[in-house]
Amino acid sequence: MAPIALVNHHVEEIPDGFTHAVMLRDDAVVSSSPRDETPPAANLSSCFGLDLSGEHREGRWFAWAR
């Protein structure tokens, strides 16, 4: 099976089946890890430059402003 990359700004739209997540900001890697191990709040806040919370439930990530 060939690798597939998904580029998205909405973490809740990442479908099941993707195994890894890479978060980028200003051409630099903020986080790179298996999707289900990505700690959301600190990495999301660093990536988007906002104070964000996040959680993984029912197979999807969710993020919101604090």
PDB file of N, CA and C in Angstrom:
ATOM      1  N   MET A   1       0.841  -1.182   0.000  1.00  0.00           N
ATOM      2  CA  MET A   1       0.000   0.000   0.000  1.00  0.00           C
ATOM      3  C   MET A   1       0.886   1.246   0.000  1.00  0.00           C
ATOM      4  N   ALA A   2       0.593   2.193  -0.845  1.00  0.00           N
ATOM      5  CA  ALA A   2       1.371   3.431  -0.951  1.00  0.00           C
ATOM      6  C   ALA A   2       0.964   4.425   0.131  1.00  0.00           C
ATOM      7  N   PRO A   3       1.912   5.202   0.636  1.00  0.00           N
ATOM      8  CA  PRO A   3       1.581   6.211   1.637  1.00  0.00           C
ATOM      9  C   PRO A   3       0.703   7.307   1.041  1.00  0.00           C
ATOM     10  N   ILE A   4      -0.154   7.868   1.877  1.00  0.00           N
ATOM     11  CA  ILE A   4      -1.024   8.978   1.485  1.00  0.00           C
ATOM     12  C   ILE A   4      -0.834  10.094   2.497  1.00  0.00           C
ATOM     13  N   ALA A   5      -0.714  11.325   2.027  1.00  0.00           N
ATOM     14  CA  ALA A   5      -0.594  12.484   2.916  1.00  0.00           C
ATOM     15  C   ALA A   5      -1.871  13.315   2.814  1.00  0.00           C
ATOM     16  N   LEU A   6      -2.347  13.759   3.959  1.00  0.00           N
ATOM     17  CA  LEU A   6      -3.513  14.629   4.032  1.00  0.00           C
ATOM     18  C   LEU A   6      -3.066  15.938   4.658  1.00  0.00           C
ATOM     19  N   VAL A   7      -3.331  17.052   4.002  1.00  0.00           N
ATOM     20  CA  VAL A   7      -3.006  18.365   4.541  1.00  0.00           C
ATOM     21  C   VAL A   7      -4.317  19.002   4.960  1.00  0.00           C
ATOM     22  N   ASN A   8      -4.379  19.407   6.234  1.00  0.00           N
ATOM     23  CA  ASN A   8      -5.653  19.889   6.753  1.00  0.00           C
ATOM     24  C   ASN A   8      -5.413  20.813   7.931  1.00  0.00           C
ATOM     25  N   HIS A   9      -6.280  21.802   8.100  1.00  0.00           N
ATOM     26  CA  HIS A   9      -6.222  22.710   9.245  1.00  0.00           C
ATOM     27  C   HIS A   9      -7.296  22.376  10.278  1.00  0.00           C
ATOM     28  N   HIS A  10      -8.071  21.348  10.036  1.00  0.00           N
ATOM     29  CA  HIS A  10      -9.182  20.979  10.918  1.00  0.00           C
ATOM     30  C   HIS A  10      -8.941  19.563  11.434  1.00  0.00           C
ATOM     31  N   VAL A  11      -8.455  19.451  12.676  1.00  0.00           N
ATOM     32  CA  VAL A  11      -8.072  18.135  13.185  1.00  0.00           C
ATOM     33  C   VAL A  11      -9.244  17.167  13.258  1.00  0.00           C
ATOM     34  N   GLU A  12     -10.455  17.669  13.430  1.00  0.00           N
ATOM     35  CA  GLU A  12     -11.619  16.783  13.523  1.00  0.00           C
ATOM     36  C   GLU A  12     -11.957  16.121  12.189  1.00  0.00           C
ATOM     37  N   GLU A  13     -11.389  16.596  11.104  1.00  0.00           N
ATOM     38  CA  GLU A  13     -11.651  16.012   9.785  1.00  0.00           C
ATOM     39  C   GLU A  13     -10.644  14.938   9.390  1.00  0.00           C
ATOM     40  N   ILE A  14      -9.675  14.645  10.247  1.00  0.00           N
ATOM     41  CA  ILE A  14      -8.702  13.597   9.924  1.00  0.00           C
ATOM     42  C   ILE A  14      -9.407  12.250  10.063  1.00  0.00           C
ATOM     43  N   PRO A  15      -9.557  11.518   8.966  1.00  0.00           N
ATOM     44  CA  PRO A  15     -10.297  10.251   9.035  1.00  0.00           C
ATOM     45  C   PRO A  15      -9.480   9.136   9.664  1.00  0.00           C
ATOM     46  N   ASP A  16     -10.183   8.136  10.170  1.00  0.00           N
ATOM     47  CA  ASP A  16      -9.506   6.928  10.646  1.00  0.00           C
ATOM     48  C   ASP A  16      -8.700   6.338   9.499  1.00  0.00           C
ATOM     49  N   GLY A  17      -7.639   5.654   9.848  1.00  0.00           N
ATOM     50  CA  GLY A  17      -6.801   5.038   8.825  1.00  0.00           C
ATOM     51  C   GLY A  17      -5.468   5.732   8.676  1.00  0.00           C
ATOM     52  N   PHE A  18      -5.400   7.011   9.057  1.00  0.00           N
ATOM     53  CA  PHE A  18      -4.118   7.702   9.034  1.00  0.00           C
ATOM     54  C   PHE A  18      -3.377   7.339  10.308  1.00  0.00           C
ATOM     55  N   THR A  19      -2.117   6.960  10.176  1.00  0.00           N
ATOM     56  CA  THR A  19      -1.382   6.409  11.314  1.00  0.00           C
ATOM     57  C   THR A  19      -0.464   7.407  12.010  1.00  0.00           C
ATOM     58  N   HIS A  20      -0.065   8.468  11.326  1.00  0.00           N
ATOM     59  CA  HIS A  20       0.878   9.428  11.898  1.00  0.00           C
ATOM     60  C   HIS A  20       0.406  10.859  11.649  1.00  0.00           C
ATOM     61  N   ALA A  21       0.850  11.757  12.518  1.00  0.00           N
ATOM     62  CA  ALA A  21       0.529  13.182  12.366  1.00  0.00           C
ATOM     63  C   ALA A  21       1.823  13.988  12.431  1.00  0.00           C
ATOM     64  N   VAL A  22       1.942  14.949  11.548  1.00  0.00           N
ATOM     65  CA  VAL A  22       3.050  15.902  11.566  1.00  0.00           C
ATOM     66  C   VAL A  22       2.418  17.280  11.621  1.00  0.00           C
ATOM     67  N   MET A  23       2.788  18.074  12.614  1.00  0.00           N
ATOM     68  CA  MET A  23       2.280  19.435  12.736  1.00  0.00           C
ATOM     69  C   MET A  23       3.406  20.392  12.360  1.00  0.00           C
ATOM     70  N   LEU A  24       3.091  21.334  11.473  1.00  0.00           N
ATOM     71  CA  LEU A  24       4.081  22.284  10.977  1.00  0.00           C
ATOM     72  C   LEU A  24       3.658  23.712  11.314  1.00  0.00           C
ATOM     73  N   ARG A  25       4.643  24.563  11.564  1.00  0.00           N
ATOM     74  CA  ARG A  25       4.414  25.996  11.726  1.00  0.00           C
ATOM     75  C   ARG A  25       5.643  26.711  11.180  1.00  0.00           C
ATOM     76  N   ASP A  26       5.401  27.648  10.274  1.00  0.00           N
ATOM     77  CA  ASP A  26       6.491  28.435   9.685  1.00  0.00           C
ATOM     78  C   ASP A  26       7.616  27.533   9.163  1.00  0.00           C
ATOM     79  N   ASP A  27       7.250  26.514   8.403  1.00  0.00           N
ATOM     80  CA  ASP A  27       8.205  25.595   7.766  1.00  0.00           C
ATOM     81  C   ASP A  27       9.021  24.761   8.756  1.00  0.00           C
ATOM     82  N   ALA A  28       8.564  24.654  10.000  1.00  0.00           N
ATOM     83  CA  ALA A  28       9.269  23.849  11.001  1.00  0.00           C
ATOM     84  C   ALA A  28       8.324  22.809  11.589  1.00  0.00           C
ATOM     85  N   VAL A  29       8.853  21.648  11.938  1.00  0.00           N
ATOM     86  CA  VAL A  29       8.055  20.589  12.549  1.00  0.00           C
ATOM     87  C   VAL A  29       7.842  20.916  14.030  1.00  0.00           C
ATOM     88  N   VAL A  30       6.569  21.014  14.433  1.00  0.00           N
ATOM     89  CA  VAL A  30       6.202  21.225  15.830  1.00  0.00           C
ATOM     90  C   VAL A  30       6.092  19.876  16.526  1.00  0.00           C
ATOM     91  N   SER A  31       5.529  18.877  15.826  1.00  0.00           N
ATOM     92  CA  SER A  31       5.325  17.553  16.396  1.00  0.00           C
ATOM     93  C   SER A  31       5.276  16.537  15.266  1.00  0.00           C
ATOM     94  N   SER A  32       5.811  15.364  15.545  1.00  0.00           N
ATOM     95  CA  SER A  32       5.742  14.255  14.606  1.00  0.00           C
ATOM     96  C   SER A  32       5.662  12.972  15.423  1.00  0.00           C
ATOM     97  N   SER A  33       4.537  12.269  15.311  1.00  0.00           N
ATOM     98  CA  SER A  33       4.353  11.060  16.121  1.00  0.00           C
ATOM     99  C   SER A  33       3.177  10.249  15.576  1.00  0.00           C
ATOM    100  N   PRO A  34       3.034   9.025  16.076  1.00  0.00           N
ATOM    101  CA  PRO A  34       1.827   8.280  15.735  1.00  0.00           C
ATOM    102  C   PRO A  34       0.588   9.095  16.102  1.00  0.00           C
ATOM    103  N   ARG A  35      -0.402   9.067  15.258  1.00  0.00           N
ATOM    104  CA  ARG A  35      -1.582   9.919  15.413  1.00  0.00           C
ATOM    105  C   ARG A  35      -2.225   9.801  16.785  1.00  0.00           C
ATOM    106  N   ASP A  36      -2.391   8.599  17.287  1.00  0.00           N
ATOM    107  CA  ASP A  36      -3.086   8.418  18.556  1.00  0.00           C
ATOM    108  C   ASP A  36      -2.232   8.755  19.765  1.00  0.00           C
ATOM    109  N   GLU A  37      -0.942   9.080  19.554  1.00  0.00           N
ATOM    110  CA  GLU A  37      -0.064   9.455  20.655  1.00  0.00           C
ATOM    111  C   GLU A  37       0.224  10.942  20.679  1.00  0.00           C
ATOM    112  N   THR A  38      -0.258  11.694  19.724  1.00  0.00           N
ATOM    113  CA  THR A  38       0.029  13.116  19.639  1.00  0.00           C
ATOM    114  C   THR A  38      -0.655  13.858  20.777  1.00  0.00           C
ATOM    115  N   PRO A  39       0.101  14.448  21.719  1.00  0.00           N
ATOM    116  CA  PRO A  39      -0.538  15.215  22.787  1.00  0.00           C
ATOM    117  C   PRO A  39      -1.147  16.482  22.195  1.00  0.00           C
ATOM    118  N   PRO A  40      -2.437  16.628  22.252  1.00  0.00           N
ATOM    119  CA  PRO A  40      -3.070  17.687  21.482  1.00  0.00           C
ATOM    120  C   PRO A  40      -2.868  19.112  21.965  1.00  0.00           C
ATOM    121  N   ALA A  41      -3.074  19.418  23.219  1.00  0.00           N
ATOM    122  CA  ALA A  41      -3.146  20.817  23.647  1.00  0.00           C
ATOM    123  C   ALA A  41      -1.852  21.587  23.389  1.00  0.00           C
ATOM    124  N   ALA A  42      -0.728  21.106  23.894  1.00  0.00           N
ATOM    125  CA  ALA A  42       0.527  21.843  23.731  1.00  0.00           C
ATOM    126  C   ALA A  42       0.931  21.935  22.266  1.00  0.00           C
ATOM    127  N   ASN A  43       0.827  20.832  21.535  1.00  0.00           N
ATOM    128  CA  ASN A  43       1.220  20.845  20.126  1.00  0.00           C
ATOM    129  C   ASN A  43       0.280  21.690  19.272  1.00  0.00           C
ATOM    130  N   LEU A  44      -1.016  21.592  19.525  1.00  0.00           N
ATOM    131  CA  LEU A  44      -1.965  22.414  18.773  1.00  0.00           C
ATOM    132  C   LEU A  44      -1.739  23.886  19.046  1.00  0.00           C
ATOM    133  N   SER A  45      -1.529  24.247  20.299  1.00  0.00           N
ATOM    134  CA  SER A  45      -1.291  25.648  20.649  1.00  0.00           C
ATOM    135  C   SER A  45      -0.031  26.166  19.968  1.00  0.00           C
ATOM    136  N   SER A  46       1.050  25.381  19.992  1.00  0.00           N
ATOM    137  CA  SER A  46       2.291  25.783  19.330  1.00  0.00           C
ATOM    138  C   SER A  46       2.118  25.888  17.823  1.00  0.00           C
ATOM    139  N   CYS A  47       1.394  24.943  17.267  1.00  0.00           N
ATOM    140  CA  CYS A  47       1.214  24.902  15.818  1.00  0.00           C
ATOM    141  C   CYS A  47       0.394  26.089  15.301  1.00  0.00           C
ATOM    142  N   PHE A  48      -0.701  26.392  15.967  1.00  0.00           N
ATOM    143  CA  PHE A  48      -1.606  27.437  15.483  1.00  0.00           C
ATOM    144  C   PHE A  48      -1.384  28.789  16.154  1.00  0.00           C
ATOM    145  N   GLY A  49      -0.525  28.856  17.177  1.00  0.00           N
ATOM    146  CA  GLY A  49      -0.260  30.129  17.835  1.00  0.00           C
ATOM    147  C   GLY A  49      -1.444  30.638  18.643  1.00  0.00           C
ATOM    148  N   LEU A  50      -2.276  29.722  19.128  1.00  0.00           N
ATOM    149  CA  LEU A  50      -3.460  30.063  19.913  1.00  0.00           C
ATOM    150  C   LEU A  50      -3.482  29.200  21.165  1.00  0.00           C
ATOM    151  N   ASP A  51      -4.237  29.619  22.174  1.00  0.00           N
ATOM    152  CA  ASP A  51      -4.393  28.807  23.377  1.00  0.00           C
ATOM    153  C   ASP A  51      -5.523  27.812  23.123  1.00  0.00           C
ATOM    154  N   LEU A  52      -5.155  26.575  22.793  1.00  0.00           N
ATOM    155  CA  LEU A  52      -6.132  25.567  22.404  1.00  0.00           C
ATOM    156  C   LEU A  52      -6.128  24.370  23.350  1.00  0.00           C
ATOM    157  N   SER A  53      -7.256  23.745  23.452  1.00  0.00           N
ATOM    158  CA  SER A  53      -7.392  22.454  24.123  1.00  0.00           C
ATOM    159  C   SER A  53      -7.755  21.437  23.059  1.00  0.00           C
ATOM    160  N   GLY A  54      -7.548  20.168  23.373  1.00  0.00           N
ATOM    161  CA  GLY A  54      -7.924  19.138  22.421  1.00  0.00           C
ATOM    162  C   GLY A  54      -8.026  17.805  23.108  1.00  0.00           C
ATOM    163  N   GLU A  55      -8.731  16.911  22.452  1.00  0.00           N
ATOM    164  CA  GLU A  55      -8.838  15.553  22.971  1.00  0.00           C
ATOM    165  C   GLU A  55      -9.128  14.584  21.840  1.00  0.00           C
ATOM    166  N   HIS A  56      -8.842  13.330  22.103  1.00  0.00           N
ATOM    167  CA  HIS A  56      -9.093  12.259  21.149  1.00  0.00           C
ATOM    168  C   HIS A  56     -10.212  11.406  21.719  1.00  0.00           C
ATOM    169  N   ARG A  57     -11.326  11.310  20.976  1.00  0.00           N
ATOM    170  CA  ARG A  57     -12.436  10.464  21.432  1.00  0.00           C
ATOM    171  C   ARG A  57     -13.159   9.897  20.222  1.00  0.00           C
ATOM    172  N   GLU A  58     -13.623   8.695  20.388  1.00  0.00           N
ATOM    173  CA  GLU A  58     -14.367   8.007  19.330  1.00  0.00           C
ATOM    174  C   GLU A  58     -13.618   8.017  17.999  1.00  0.00           C
ATOM    175  N   GLY A  59     -12.279   7.872  18.079  1.00  0.00           N
ATOM    176  CA  GLY A  59     -11.478   7.765  16.866  1.00  0.00           C
ATOM    177  C   GLY A  59     -11.141   9.070  16.178  1.00  0.00           C
ATOM    178  N   ARG A  60     -11.487  10.209  16.779  1.00  0.00           N
ATOM    179  CA  ARG A  60     -11.205  11.507  16.143  1.00  0.00           C
ATOM    180  C   ARG A  60     -10.617  12.476  17.153  1.00  0.00           C
ATOM    181  N   TRP A  61      -9.843  13.439  16.628  1.00  0.00           N
ATOM    182  CA  TRP A  61      -9.321  14.536  17.433  1.00  0.00           C
ATOM    183  C   TRP A  61     -10.314  15.684  17.386  1.00  0.00           C
ATOM    184  N   PHE A  62     -10.410  16.398  18.475  1.00  0.00           N
ATOM    185  CA  PHE A  62     -11.236  17.600  18.544  1.00  0.00           C
ATOM    186  C   PHE A  62     -10.393  18.706  19.173  1.00  0.00           C
ATOM    187  N   ALA A  63     -10.552  19.932  18.701  1.00  0.00           N
ATOM    188  CA  ALA A  63      -9.804  21.070  19.238  1.00  0.00           C
ATOM    189  C   ALA A  63     -10.749  22.252  19.406  1.00  0.00           C
ATOM    190  N   TRP A  64     -10.483  23.052  20.427  1.00  0.00           N
ATOM    191  CA  TRP A  64     -11.299  24.243  20.675  1.00  0.00           C
ATOM    192  C   TRP A  64     -10.450  25.277  21.409  1.00  0.00           C
ATOM    193  N   ALA A  65     -10.828  26.552  21.277  1.00  0.00           N
ATOM    194  CA  ALA A  65     -10.123  27.642  21.966  1.00  0.00           C
ATOM    195  C   ALA A  65     -10.482  27.614  23.445  1.00  0.00           C
ATOM    196  N   ARG A  66      -9.474  27.908  24.268  1.00  0.00           N
ATOM    197  CA  ARG A  66      -9.719  27.989  25.714  1.00  0.00           C
ATOM    198  C   ARG A  66     -10.212  29.358  26.066  1.00  0.00           C
TER     199      ARG A  66
END
